[in-house]
Amino acid sequence: MANNVITKTLRKIYQYKIALLFLALWAHVSLLNLFFVSYSGPVFLWEENSELLTIQVHLFIALLTTGFYLAVNKLSEINKAKKIKVTDKMWLACSLALVLSIGFLLI
């Protein structure tokens, strides 16, 4: 009985996995930018974090990461279906694109 309820709940959650991924990424980026720890303790950046530009940047980062996840997921599905052979060089290019995008966002 409990196993059936858990299975149904997980199926419902799985339907919204992309939206949940986006929300989790947005919350993660926002919380990481909310405070930093100095020698005198944590410093909260309430005003800076509630500016419209900051919120837009956080949403953009989450959207970009979700889009990258969808692209790699689609590429993996194409590879599994054997429609197009995806070589190791392509996976390396995807990894390099991810590293470069993270580097760009950190600068």
PDB file of N, CA and C in Angstrom:
ATOM      1  N   MET A   1       0.825  -1.195   0.000  1.00  0.00           N
ATOM      2  CA  MET A   1       0.000   0.000   0.000  1.00  0.00           C
ATOM      3  C   MET A   1       0.866   1.254   0.000  1.00  0.00           C
ATOM      4  N   ALA A   2       1.826   1.317   0.937  1.00  0.00           N
ATOM      5  CA  ALA A   2       2.688   2.500   1.023  1.00  0.00           C
ATOM      6  C   ALA A   2       3.574   2.613  -0.218  1.00  0.00           C
ATOM      7  N   ASN A   3       4.004   1.469  -0.743  1.00  0.00           N
ATOM      8  CA  ASN A   3       4.844   1.470  -1.934  1.00  0.00           C
ATOM      9  C   ASN A   3       4.087   2.053  -3.124  1.00  0.00           C
ATOM     10  N   ASN A   4       2.803   1.751  -3.234  1.00  0.00           N
ATOM     11  CA  ASN A   4       1.973   2.257  -4.315  1.00  0.00           C
ATOM     12  C   ASN A   4       1.820   3.779  -4.208  1.00  0.00           C
ATOM     13  N   VAL A   5       1.644   4.287  -3.009  1.00  0.00           N
ATOM     14  CA  VAL A   5       1.496   5.730  -2.797  1.00  0.00           C
ATOM     15  C   VAL A   5       2.802   6.440  -3.140  1.00  0.00           C
ATOM     16  N   ILE A   6       3.908   5.860  -2.739  1.00  0.00           N
ATOM     17  CA  ILE A   6       5.211   6.457  -3.039  1.00  0.00           C
ATOM     18  C   ILE A   6       5.455   6.465  -4.543  1.00  0.00           C
ATOM     19  N   THR A   7       5.103   5.392  -5.218  1.00  0.00           N
ATOM     20  CA  THR A   7       5.280   5.312  -6.662  1.00  0.00           C
ATOM     21  C   THR A   7       4.441   6.365  -7.375  1.00  0.00           C
ATOM     22  N   LYS A   8       3.198   6.534  -6.958  1.00  0.00           N
ATOM     23  CA  LYS A   8       2.341   7.548  -7.577  1.00  0.00           C
ATOM     24  C   LYS A   8       2.876   8.950  -7.326  1.00  0.00           C
ATOM     25  N   THR A   9       3.362   9.190  -6.130  1.00  0.00           N
ATOM     26  CA  THR A   9       3.911  10.503  -5.793  1.00  0.00           C
ATOM     27  C   THR A   9       5.151  10.799  -6.630  1.00  0.00           C
ATOM     28  N   LEU A  10       6.016   9.822  -6.779  1.00  0.00           N
ATOM     29  CA  LEU A  10       7.230  10.010  -7.574  1.00  0.00           C
ATOM     30  C   LEU A  10       6.906  10.225  -9.045  1.00  0.00           C
ATOM     31  N   ARG A  11       5.889   9.573  -9.554  1.00  0.00           N
ATOM     32  CA  ARG A  11       5.478   9.798 -10.949  1.00  0.00           C
ATOM     33  C   ARG A  11       4.961  11.210 -11.142  1.00  0.00           C
ATOM     34  N   LYS A  12       4.213  11.722 -10.171  1.00  0.00           N
ATOM     35  CA  LYS A  12       3.722  13.108 -10.253  1.00  0.00           C
ATOM     36  C   LYS A  12       4.884  14.090 -10.234  1.00  0.00           C
ATOM     37  N   ILE A  13       5.837  13.838  -9.355  1.00  0.00           N
ATOM     38  CA  ILE A  13       7.004  14.723  -9.262  1.00  0.00           C
ATOM     39  C   ILE A  13       7.817  14.657 -10.553  1.00  0.00           C
ATOM     40  N   TYR A  14       7.949  13.466 -11.122  1.00  0.00           N
ATOM     41  CA  TYR A  14       8.746  13.275 -12.333  1.00  0.00           C
ATOM     42  C   TYR A  14       8.166  14.051 -13.513  1.00  0.00           C
ATOM     43  N   GLN A  15       6.847  14.254 -13.527  1.00  0.00           N
ATOM     44  CA  GLN A  15       6.220  15.017 -14.605  1.00  0.00           C
ATOM     45  C   GLN A  15       6.707  16.463 -14.613  1.00  0.00           C
ATOM     46  N   TYR A  16       7.047  16.983 -13.464  1.00  0.00           N
ATOM     47  CA  TYR A  16       7.454  18.382 -13.342  1.00  0.00           C
ATOM     48  C   TYR A  16       8.950  18.513 -13.057  1.00  0.00           C
ATOM     49  N   LYS A  17       9.745  17.558 -13.507  1.00  0.00           N
ATOM     50  CA  LYS A  17      11.152  17.544 -13.131  1.00  0.00           C
ATOM     51  C   LYS A  17      11.925  18.733 -13.697  1.00  0.00           C
ATOM     52  N   ILE A  18      11.582  19.196 -14.881  1.00  0.00           N
ATOM     53  CA  ILE A  18      12.296  20.336 -15.455  1.00  0.00           C
ATOM     54  C   ILE A  18      11.976  21.608 -14.678  1.00  0.00           C
ATOM     55  N   ALA A  19      10.704  21.798 -14.335  1.00  0.00           N
ATOM     56  CA  ALA A  19      10.334  22.973 -13.543  1.00  0.00           C
ATOM     57  C   ALA A  19      10.966  22.920 -12.155  1.00  0.00           C
ATOM     58  N   LEU A  20      11.008  21.736 -11.572  1.00  0.00           N
ATOM     59  CA  LEU A  20      11.638  21.583 -10.263  1.00  0.00           C
ATOM     60  C   LEU A  20      13.143  21.803 -10.341  1.00  0.00           C
ATOM     61  N   LEU A  21      13.759  21.351 -11.413  1.00  0.00           N
ATOM     62  CA  LEU A  21      15.184  21.592 -11.610  1.00  0.00           C
ATOM     63  C   LEU A  21      15.451  23.087 -11.719  1.00  0.00           C
ATOM     64  N   PHE A  22      14.630  23.785 -12.499  1.00  0.00           N
ATOM     65  CA  PHE A  22      14.787  25.233 -12.645  1.00  0.00           C
ATOM     66  C   PHE A  22      14.633  25.939 -11.296  1.00  0.00           C
ATOM     67  N   LEU A  23      13.609  25.574 -10.539  1.00  0.00           N
ATOM     68  CA  LEU A  23      13.400  26.206  -9.232  1.00  0.00           C
ATOM     69  C   LEU A  23      14.533  25.895  -8.253  1.00  0.00           C
ATOM     70  N   ALA A  24      15.014  24.661  -8.288  1.00  0.00           N
ATOM     71  CA  ALA A  24      16.115  24.292  -7.393  1.00  0.00           C
ATOM     72  C   ALA A  24      17.388  25.055  -7.756  1.00  0.00           C
ATOM     73  N   LEU A  25      17.669  25.190  -9.046  1.00  0.00           N
ATOM     74  CA  LEU A  25      18.846  25.943  -9.470  1.00  0.00           C
ATOM     75  C   LEU A  25      18.727  27.418  -9.105  1.00  0.00           C
ATOM     76  N   TRP A  26      17.550  27.979  -9.321  1.00  0.00           N
ATOM     77  CA  TRP A  26      17.334  29.390  -8.988  1.00  0.00           C
ATOM     78  C   TRP A  26      17.486  29.624  -7.485  1.00  0.00           C
ATOM     79  N   ALA A  27      16.918  28.757  -6.692  1.00  0.00           N
ATOM     80  CA  ALA A  27      17.041  28.890  -5.236  1.00  0.00           C
ATOM     81  C   ALA A  27      18.499  28.715  -4.803  1.00  0.00           C
ATOM     82  N   HIS A  28      19.189  27.779  -5.417  1.00  0.00           N
ATOM     83  CA  HIS A  28      20.585  27.523  -5.080  1.00  0.00           C
ATOM     84  C   HIS A  28      21.449  28.754  -5.378  1.00  0.00           C
ATOM     85  N   VAL A  29      21.300  29.318  -6.560  1.00  0.00           N
ATOM     86  CA  VAL A  29      22.085  30.492  -6.936  1.00  0.00           C
ATOM     87  C   VAL A  29      21.720  31.680  -6.048  1.00  0.00           C
ATOM     88  N   SER A  30      20.444  31.858  -5.778  1.00  0.00           N
ATOM     89  CA  SER A  30      20.011  32.984  -4.942  1.00  0.00           C
ATOM     90  C   SER A  30      20.533  32.858  -3.517  1.00  0.00           C
ATOM     91  N   LEU A  31      20.494  31.657  -2.966  1.00  0.00           N
ATOM     92  CA  LEU A  31      20.993  31.467  -1.601  1.00  0.00           C
ATOM     93  C   LEU A  31      22.507  31.613  -1.523  1.00  0.00           C
ATOM     94  N   LEU A  32      23.208  31.164  -2.559  1.00  0.00           N
ATOM     95  CA  LEU A  32      24.655  31.329  -2.559  1.00  0.00           C
ATOM     96  C   LEU A  32      25.050  32.802  -2.632  1.00  0.00           C
ATOM     97  N   ASN A  33      24.230  33.595  -3.284  1.00  0.00           N
ATOM     98  CA  ASN A  33      24.525  35.017  -3.430  1.00  0.00           C
ATOM     99  C   ASN A  33      23.962  35.839  -2.270  1.00  0.00           C
ATOM    100  N   LEU A  34      23.194  35.246  -1.402  1.00  0.00           N
ATOM    101  CA  LEU A  34      22.525  35.979  -0.337  1.00  0.00           C
ATOM    102  C   LEU A  34      23.470  36.412   0.765  1.00  0.00           C
ATOM    103  N   PHE A  35      24.487  35.618   1.062  1.00  0.00           N
ATOM    104  CA  PHE A  35      25.376  35.972   2.166  1.00  0.00           C
ATOM    105  C   PHE A  35      26.787  35.457   1.905  1.00  0.00           C
ATOM    106  N   PHE A  36      27.715  36.021   2.647  1.00  0.00           N
ATOM    107  CA  PHE A  36      29.073  35.501   2.679  1.00  0.00           C
ATOM    108  C   PHE A  36      29.552  35.554   4.116  1.00  0.00           C
ATOM    109  N   VAL A  37      30.555  34.774   4.401  1.00  0.00           N
ATOM    110  CA  VAL A  37      31.049  34.676   5.773  1.00  0.00           C
ATOM    111  C   VAL A  37      32.369  35.432   5.869  1.00  0.00           C
ATOM    112  N   SER A  38      32.412  36.370   6.799  1.00  0.00           N
ATOM    113  CA  SER A  38      33.645  37.104   7.063  1.00  0.00           C
ATOM    114  C   SER A  38      34.190  36.674   8.421  1.00  0.00           C
ATOM    115  N   TYR A  39      35.283  37.313   8.850  1.00  0.00           N
ATOM    116  CA  TYR A  39      35.863  36.968  10.149  1.00  0.00           C
ATOM    117  C   TYR A  39      34.922  37.290  11.303  1.00  0.00           C
ATOM    118  N   SER A  40      34.059  38.286  11.126  1.00  0.00           N
ATOM    119  CA  SER A  40      33.140  38.655  12.202  1.00  0.00           C
ATOM    120  C   SER A  40      31.803  37.917  12.118  1.00  0.00           C
ATOM    121  N   GLY A  41      31.654  37.027  11.148  1.00  0.00           N
ATOM    122  CA  GLY A  41      30.426  36.245  11.028  1.00  0.00           C
ATOM    123  C   GLY A  41      29.777  36.431   9.672  1.00  0.00           C
ATOM    124  N   PRO A  42      28.597  35.851   9.480  1.00  0.00           N
ATOM    125  CA  PRO A  42      27.931  35.964   8.182  1.00  0.00           C
ATOM    126  C   PRO A  42      27.406  37.383   7.929  1.00  0.00           C
ATOM    127  N   VAL A  43      27.521  37.807   6.674  1.00  0.00           N
ATOM    128  CA  VAL A  43      27.019  39.108   6.245  1.00  0.00           C
ATOM    129  C   VAL A  43      25.921  38.844   5.212  1.00  0.00           C
ATOM    130  N   PHE A  44      24.717  39.294   5.498  1.00  0.00           N
ATOM    131  CA  PHE A  44      23.586  39.081   4.597  1.00  0.00           C
ATOM    132  C   PHE A  44      23.427  40.277   3.670  1.00  0.00           C
ATOM    133  N   LEU A  45      23.240  40.004   2.401  1.00  0.00           N
ATOM    134  CA  LEU A  45      23.125  41.036   1.381  1.00  0.00           C
ATOM    135  C   LEU A  45      21.675  41.154   0.920  1.00  0.00           C
ATOM    136  N   TRP A  46      20.793  41.563   1.826  1.00  0.00           N
ATOM    137  CA  TRP A  46      19.363  41.618   1.523  1.00  0.00           C
ATOM    138  C   TRP A  46      19.062  42.605   0.405  1.00  0.00           C
ATOM    139  N   GLU A  47      19.600  43.814   0.517  1.00  0.00           N
ATOM    140  CA  GLU A  47      19.280  44.857  -0.466  1.00  0.00           C
ATOM    141  C   GLU A  47      19.813  44.506  -1.854  1.00  0.00           C
ATOM    142  N   GLU A  48      21.058  44.059  -1.920  1.00  0.00           N
ATOM    143  CA  GLU A  48      21.654  43.729  -3.205  1.00  0.00           C
ATOM    144  C   GLU A  48      20.958  42.539  -3.854  1.00  0.00           C
ATOM    145  N   ASN A  49      20.530  41.600  -3.042  1.00  0.00           N
ATOM    146  CA  ASN A  49      19.903  40.388  -3.571  1.00  0.00           C
ATOM    147  C   ASN A  49      18.463  40.622  -4.007  1.00  0.00           C
ATOM    148  N   SER A  50      17.839  41.680  -3.541  1.00  0.00           N
ATOM    149  CA  SER A  50      16.442  41.939  -3.914  1.00  0.00           C
ATOM    150  C   SER A  50      16.318  42.931  -5.064  1.00  0.00           C
ATOM    151  N   GLU A  51      17.433  43.368  -5.644  1.00  0.00           N
ATOM    152  CA  GLU A  51      17.377  44.251  -6.807  1.00  0.00           C
ATOM    153  C   GLU A  51      16.903  43.476  -8.025  1.00  0.00           C
ATOM    154  N   LEU A  52      16.241  44.177  -8.932  1.00  0.00           N
ATOM    155  CA  LEU A  52      15.669  43.542 -10.117  1.00  0.00           C
ATOM    156  C   LEU A  52      16.750  42.925 -11.002  1.00  0.00           C
ATOM    157  N   LEU A  53      17.873  43.613 -11.165  1.00  0.00           N
ATOM    158  CA  LEU A  53      18.949  43.091 -12.003  1.00  0.00           C
ATOM    159  C   LEU A  53      19.518  41.796 -11.429  1.00  0.00           C
ATOM    160  N   THR A  54      19.668  41.734 -10.122  1.00  0.00           N
ATOM    161  CA  THR A  54      20.194  40.527  -9.480  1.00  0.00           C
ATOM    162  C   THR A  54      19.236  39.352  -9.674  1.00  0.00           C
ATOM    163  N   ILE A  55      17.958  39.601  -9.505  1.00  0.00           N
ATOM    164  CA  ILE A  55      16.956  38.539  -9.698  1.00  0.00           C
ATOM    165  C   ILE A  55      16.960  38.069 -11.144  1.00  0.00           C
ATOM    166  N   GLN A  56      17.094  39.011 -12.091  1.00  0.00           N
ATOM    167  CA  GLN A  56      17.142  38.632 -13.500  1.00  0.00           C
ATOM    168  C   GLN A  56      18.374  37.781 -13.813  1.00  0.00           C
ATOM    169  N   VAL A  57      19.504  38.144 -13.234  1.00  0.00           N
ATOM    170  CA  VAL A  57      20.724  37.361 -13.464  1.00  0.00           C
ATOM    171  C   VAL A  57      20.565  35.951 -12.895  1.00  0.00           C
ATOM    172  N   HIS A  58      19.976  35.834 -11.713  1.00  0.00           N
ATOM    173  CA  HIS A  58      19.757  34.511 -11.112  1.00  0.00           C
ATOM    174  C   HIS A  58      18.819  33.669 -11.976  1.00  0.00           C
ATOM    175  N   LEU A  59      17.758  34.284 -12.473  1.00  0.00           N
ATOM    176  CA  LEU A  59      16.828  33.561 -13.352  1.00  0.00           C
ATOM    177  C   LEU A  59      17.511  33.163 -14.659  1.00  0.00           C
ATOM    178  N   PHE A  60      18.352  34.045 -15.194  1.00  0.00           N
ATOM    179  CA  PHE A  60      19.077  33.737 -16.426  1.00  0.00           C
ATOM    180  C   PHE A  60      20.027  32.563 -16.229  1.00  0.00           C
ATOM    181  N   ILE A  61      20.735  32.548 -15.116  1.00  0.00           N
ATOM    182  CA  ILE A  61      21.665  31.447 -14.828  1.00  0.00           C
ATOM    183  C   ILE A  61      20.897  30.130 -14.714  1.00  0.00           C
ATOM    184  N   ALA A  62      19.775  30.153 -14.005  1.00  0.00           N
ATOM    185  CA  ALA A  62      18.970  28.934 -13.855  1.00  0.00           C
ATOM    186  C   ALA A  62      18.396  28.493 -15.203  1.00  0.00           C
ATOM    187  N   LEU A  63      17.954  29.444 -16.005  1.00  0.00           N
ATOM    188  CA  LEU A  63      17.401  29.122 -17.326  1.00  0.00           C
ATOM    189  C   LEU A  63      18.478  28.567 -18.245  1.00  0.00           C
ATOM    190  N   LEU A  64      19.656  29.167 -18.222  1.00  0.00           N
ATOM    191  CA  LEU A  64      20.761  28.699 -19.053  1.00  0.00           C
ATOM    192  C   LEU A  64      21.181  27.289 -18.659  1.00  0.00           C
ATOM    193  N   THR A  65      21.259  27.025 -17.375  1.00  0.00           N
ATOM    194  CA  THR A  65      21.660  25.699 -16.903  1.00  0.00           C
ATOM    195  C   THR A  65      20.596  24.656 -17.231  1.00  0.00           C
ATOM    196  N   THR A  66      19.328  25.011 -17.071  1.00  0.00           N
ATOM    197  CA  THR A  66      18.245  24.094 -17.419  1.00  0.00           C
ATOM    198  C   THR A  66      18.248  23.800 -18.915  1.00  0.00           C
ATOM    199  N   GLY A  67      18.482  24.819 -19.729  1.00  0.00           N
ATOM    200  CA  GLY A  67      18.571  24.627 -21.176  1.00  0.00           C
ATOM    201  C   GLY A  67      19.733  23.722 -21.553  1.00  0.00           C
ATOM    202  N   PHE A  68      20.855  23.893 -20.876  1.00  0.00           N
ATOM    203  CA  PHE A  68      22.002  23.024 -21.127  1.00  0.00           C
ATOM    204  C   PHE A  68      21.683  21.586 -20.744  1.00  0.00           C
ATOM    205  N   TYR A  69      20.987  21.403 -19.622  1.00  0.00           N
ATOM    206  CA  TYR A  69      20.583  20.059 -19.209  1.00  0.00           C
ATOM    207  C   TYR A  69      19.674  19.421 -20.263  1.00  0.00           C
ATOM    208  N   LEU A  70      18.711  20.192 -20.762  1.00  0.00           N
ATOM    209  CA  LEU A  70      17.801  19.658 -21.782  1.00  0.00           C
ATOM    210  C   LEU A  70      18.545  19.291 -23.060  1.00  0.00           C
ATOM    211  N   ALA A  71      19.519  20.123 -23.453  1.00  0.00           N
ATOM    212  CA  ALA A  71      20.284  19.840 -24.674  1.00  0.00           C
ATOM    213  C   ALA A  71      21.102  18.560 -24.526  1.00  0.00           C
ATOM    214  N   VAL A  72      21.775  18.401 -23.403  1.00  0.00           N
ATOM    215  CA  VAL A  72      22.584  17.203 -23.194  1.00  0.00           C
ATOM    216  C   VAL A  72      21.683  15.969 -23.065  1.00  0.00           C
ATOM    217  N   ASN A  73      20.529  16.134 -22.423  1.00  0.00           N
ATOM    218  CA  ASN A  73      19.580  15.029 -22.292  1.00  0.00           C
ATOM    219  C   ASN A  73      19.059  14.601 -23.665  1.00  0.00           C
ATOM    220  N   LYS A  74      18.745  15.562 -24.521  1.00  0.00           N
ATOM    221  CA  LYS A  74      18.260  15.252 -25.874  1.00  0.00           C
ATOM    222  C   LYS A  74      19.358  14.573 -26.694  1.00  0.00           C
ATOM    223  N   LEU A  75      20.585  15.049 -26.539  1.00  0.00           N
ATOM    224  CA  LEU A  75      21.710  14.439 -27.234  1.00  0.00           C
ATOM    225  C   LEU A  75      21.916  13.001 -26.773  1.00  0.00           C
ATOM    226  N   SER A  76      21.728  12.760 -25.494  1.00  0.00           N
ATOM    227  CA  SER A  76      21.850  11.404 -24.966  1.00  0.00           C
ATOM    228  C   SER A  76      20.747  10.497 -25.510  1.00  0.00           C
ATOM    229  N   GLU A  77      19.527  11.027 -25.618  1.00  0.00           N
ATOM    230  CA  GLU A  77      18.421  10.235 -26.185  1.00  0.00           C
ATOM    231  C   GLU A  77      18.683   9.892 -27.644  1.00  0.00           C
ATOM    232  N   ILE A  78      19.216  10.848 -28.404  1.00  0.00           N
ATOM    233  CA  ILE A  78      19.545  10.590 -29.808  1.00  0.00           C
ATOM    234  C   ILE A  78      20.613   9.502 -29.899  1.00  0.00           C
ATOM    235  N   ASN A  79      21.573   9.561 -28.997  1.00  0.00           N
ATOM    236  CA  ASN A  79      22.636   8.548 -28.996  1.00  0.00           C
ATOM    237  C   ASN A  79      22.088   7.167 -28.643  1.00  0.00           C
ATOM    238  N   LYS A  80      21.165   7.102 -27.685  1.00  0.00           N
ATOM    239  CA  LYS A  80      20.583   5.805 -27.301  1.00  0.00           C
ATOM    240  C   LYS A  80      19.736   5.220 -28.414  1.00  0.00           C
ATOM    241  N   ALA A  81      19.036   6.080 -29.164  1.00  0.00           N
ATOM    242  CA  ALA A  81      18.180   5.606 -30.249  1.00  0.00           C
ATOM    243  C   ALA A  81      18.990   5.235 -31.490  1.00  0.00           C
ATOM    244  N   LYS A  82      20.301   5.514 -31.450  1.00  0.00           N
ATOM    245  CA  LYS A  82      21.210   5.192 -32.557  1.00  0.00           C
ATOM    246  C   LYS A  82      20.827   5.909 -33.847  1.00  0.00           C
ATOM    247  N   LYS A  83      20.109   7.045 -33.728  1.00  0.00           N
ATOM    248  CA  LYS A  83      19.791   7.827 -34.919  1.00  0.00           C
ATOM    249  C   LYS A  83      21.058   8.466 -35.473  1.00  0.00           C
ATOM    250  N   ILE A  84      21.825   9.048 -34.578  1.00  0.00           N
ATOM    251  CA  ILE A  84      23.098   9.664 -34.942  1.00  0.00           C
ATOM    252  C   ILE A  84      24.115   9.204 -33.906  1.00  0.00           C
ATOM    253  N   LYS A  85      25.278   8.819 -34.356  1.00  0.00           N
ATOM    254  CA  LYS A  85      26.323   8.394 -33.434  1.00  0.00           C
ATOM    255  C   LYS A  85      26.976   9.637 -32.833  1.00  0.00           C
ATOM    256  N   VAL A  86      26.875   9.754 -31.515  1.00  0.00           N
ATOM    257  CA  VAL A  86      27.502  10.861 -30.810  1.00  0.00           C
ATOM    258  C   VAL A  86      28.856  10.375 -30.309  1.00  0.00           C
ATOM    259  N   THR A  87      29.908  11.008 -30.794  1.00  0.00           N
ATOM    260  CA  THR A  87      31.257  10.563 -30.457  1.00  0.00           C
ATOM    261  C   THR A  87      31.708  11.162 -29.130  1.00  0.00           C
ATOM    262  N   ASP A  88      32.830  10.658 -28.667  1.00  0.00           N
ATOM    263  CA  ASP A  88      33.403  11.183 -27.422  1.00  0.00           C
ATOM    264  C   ASP A  88      33.805  12.637 -27.574  1.00  0.00           C
ATOM    265  N   LYS A  89      34.183  13.039 -28.783  1.00  0.00           N
ATOM    266  CA  LYS A  89      34.557  14.433 -29.020  1.00  0.00           C
ATOM    267  C   LYS A  89      33.360  15.362 -28.794  1.00  0.00           C
ATOM    268  N   MET A  90      32.176  14.896 -29.132  1.00  0.00           N
ATOM    269  CA  MET A  90      30.979  15.718 -28.916  1.00  0.00           C
ATOM    270  C   MET A  90      30.699  15.879 -27.428  1.00  0.00           C
ATOM    271  N   TRP A  91      30.853  14.792 -26.658  1.00  0.00           N
ATOM    272  CA  TRP A  91      30.655  14.887 -25.215  1.00  0.00           C
ATOM    273  C   TRP A  91      31.714  15.791 -24.593  1.00  0.00           C
ATOM    274  N   LEU A  92      32.930  15.723 -25.108  1.00  0.00           N
ATOM    275  CA  LEU A  92      33.993  16.601 -24.642  1.00  0.00           C
ATOM    276  C   LEU A  92      33.671  18.058 -24.959  1.00  0.00           C
ATOM    277  N   ALA A  93      33.108  18.307 -26.142  1.00  0.00           N
ATOM    278  CA  ALA A  93      32.710  19.670 -26.508  1.00  0.00           C
ATOM    279  C   ALA A  93      31.603  20.176 -25.590  1.00  0.00           C
ATOM    280  N   CYS A  94      30.661  19.314 -25.231  1.00  0.00           N
ATOM    281  CA  CYS A  94      29.599  19.709 -24.288  1.00  0.00           C
ATOM    282  C   CYS A  94      30.190  20.044 -22.924  1.00  0.00           C
ATOM    283  N   SER A  95      31.137  19.244 -22.478  1.00  0.00           N
ATOM    284  CA  SER A  95      31.787  19.512 -21.193  1.00  0.00           C
ATOM    285  C   SER A  95      32.559  20.819 -21.239  1.00  0.00           C
ATOM    286  N   LEU A  96      33.244  21.060 -22.329  1.00  0.00           N
ATOM    287  CA  LEU A  96      33.995  22.300 -22.484  1.00  0.00           C
ATOM    288  C   LEU A  96      33.053  23.500 -22.515  1.00  0.00           C
ATOM    289  N   ALA A  97      31.925  23.363 -23.192  1.00  0.00           N
ATOM    290  CA  ALA A  97      30.937  24.451 -23.225  1.00  0.00           C
ATOM    291  C   ALA A  97      30.397  24.733 -21.826  1.00  0.00           C
ATOM    292  N   LEU A  98      30.187  23.700 -21.054  1.00  0.00           N
ATOM    293  CA  LEU A  98      29.711  23.889 -19.686  1.00  0.00           C
ATOM    294  C   LEU A  98      30.753  24.608 -18.844  1.00  0.00           C
ATOM    295  N   VAL A  99      32.009  24.189 -18.955  1.00  0.00           N
ATOM    296  CA  VAL A  99      33.077  24.836 -18.183  1.00  0.00           C
ATOM    297  C   VAL A  99      33.235  26.296 -18.598  1.00  0.00           C
ATOM    298  N   LEU A 100      33.185  26.571 -19.891  1.00  0.00           N
ATOM    299  CA  LEU A 100      33.313  27.944 -20.368  1.00  0.00           C
ATOM    300  C   LEU A 100      32.135  28.814 -19.924  1.00  0.00           C
ATOM    301  N   SER A 101      30.929  28.260 -19.918  1.00  0.00           N
ATOM    302  CA  SER A 101      29.778  29.039 -19.460  1.00  0.00           C
ATOM    303  C   SER A 101      29.852  29.330 -17.972  1.00  0.00           C
ATOM    304  N   ILE A 102      30.350  28.379 -17.196  1.00  0.00           N
ATOM    305  CA  ILE A 102      30.538  28.626 -15.757  1.00  0.00           C
ATOM    306  C   ILE A 102      31.606  29.690 -15.545  1.00  0.00           C
ATOM    307  N   GLY A 103      32.692  29.594 -16.307  1.00  0.00           N
ATOM    308  CA  GLY A 103      33.738  30.606 -16.218  1.00  0.00           C
ATOM    309  C   GLY A 103      33.241  31.978 -16.605  1.00  0.00           C
ATOM    310  N   PHE A 104      32.419  32.042 -17.652  1.00  0.00           N
ATOM    311  CA  PHE A 104      31.853  33.326 -18.083  1.00  0.00           C
ATOM    312  C   PHE A 104      30.975  33.926 -16.994  1.00  0.00           C
ATOM    313  N   LEU A 105      30.164  33.105 -16.362  1.00  0.00           N
ATOM    314  CA  LEU A 105      29.271  33.611 -15.321  1.00  0.00           C
ATOM    315  C   LEU A 105      30.019  34.018 -14.059  1.00  0.00           C
ATOM    316  N   LEU A 106      31.161  33.409 -13.812  1.00  0.00           N
ATOM    317  CA  LEU A 106      31.941  33.772 -12.631  1.00  0.00           C
ATOM    318  C   LEU A 106      32.709  35.080 -12.816  1.00  0.00           C
ATOM    319  N   ILE A 107      32.975  35.448 -14.046  1.00  0.00           N
ATOM    320  CA  ILE A 107      33.737  36.683 -14.293  1.00  0.00           C
ATOM    321  C   ILE A 107      32.876  37.860 -14.201  1.00  0.00           C
TER     322      ILE A 107
END
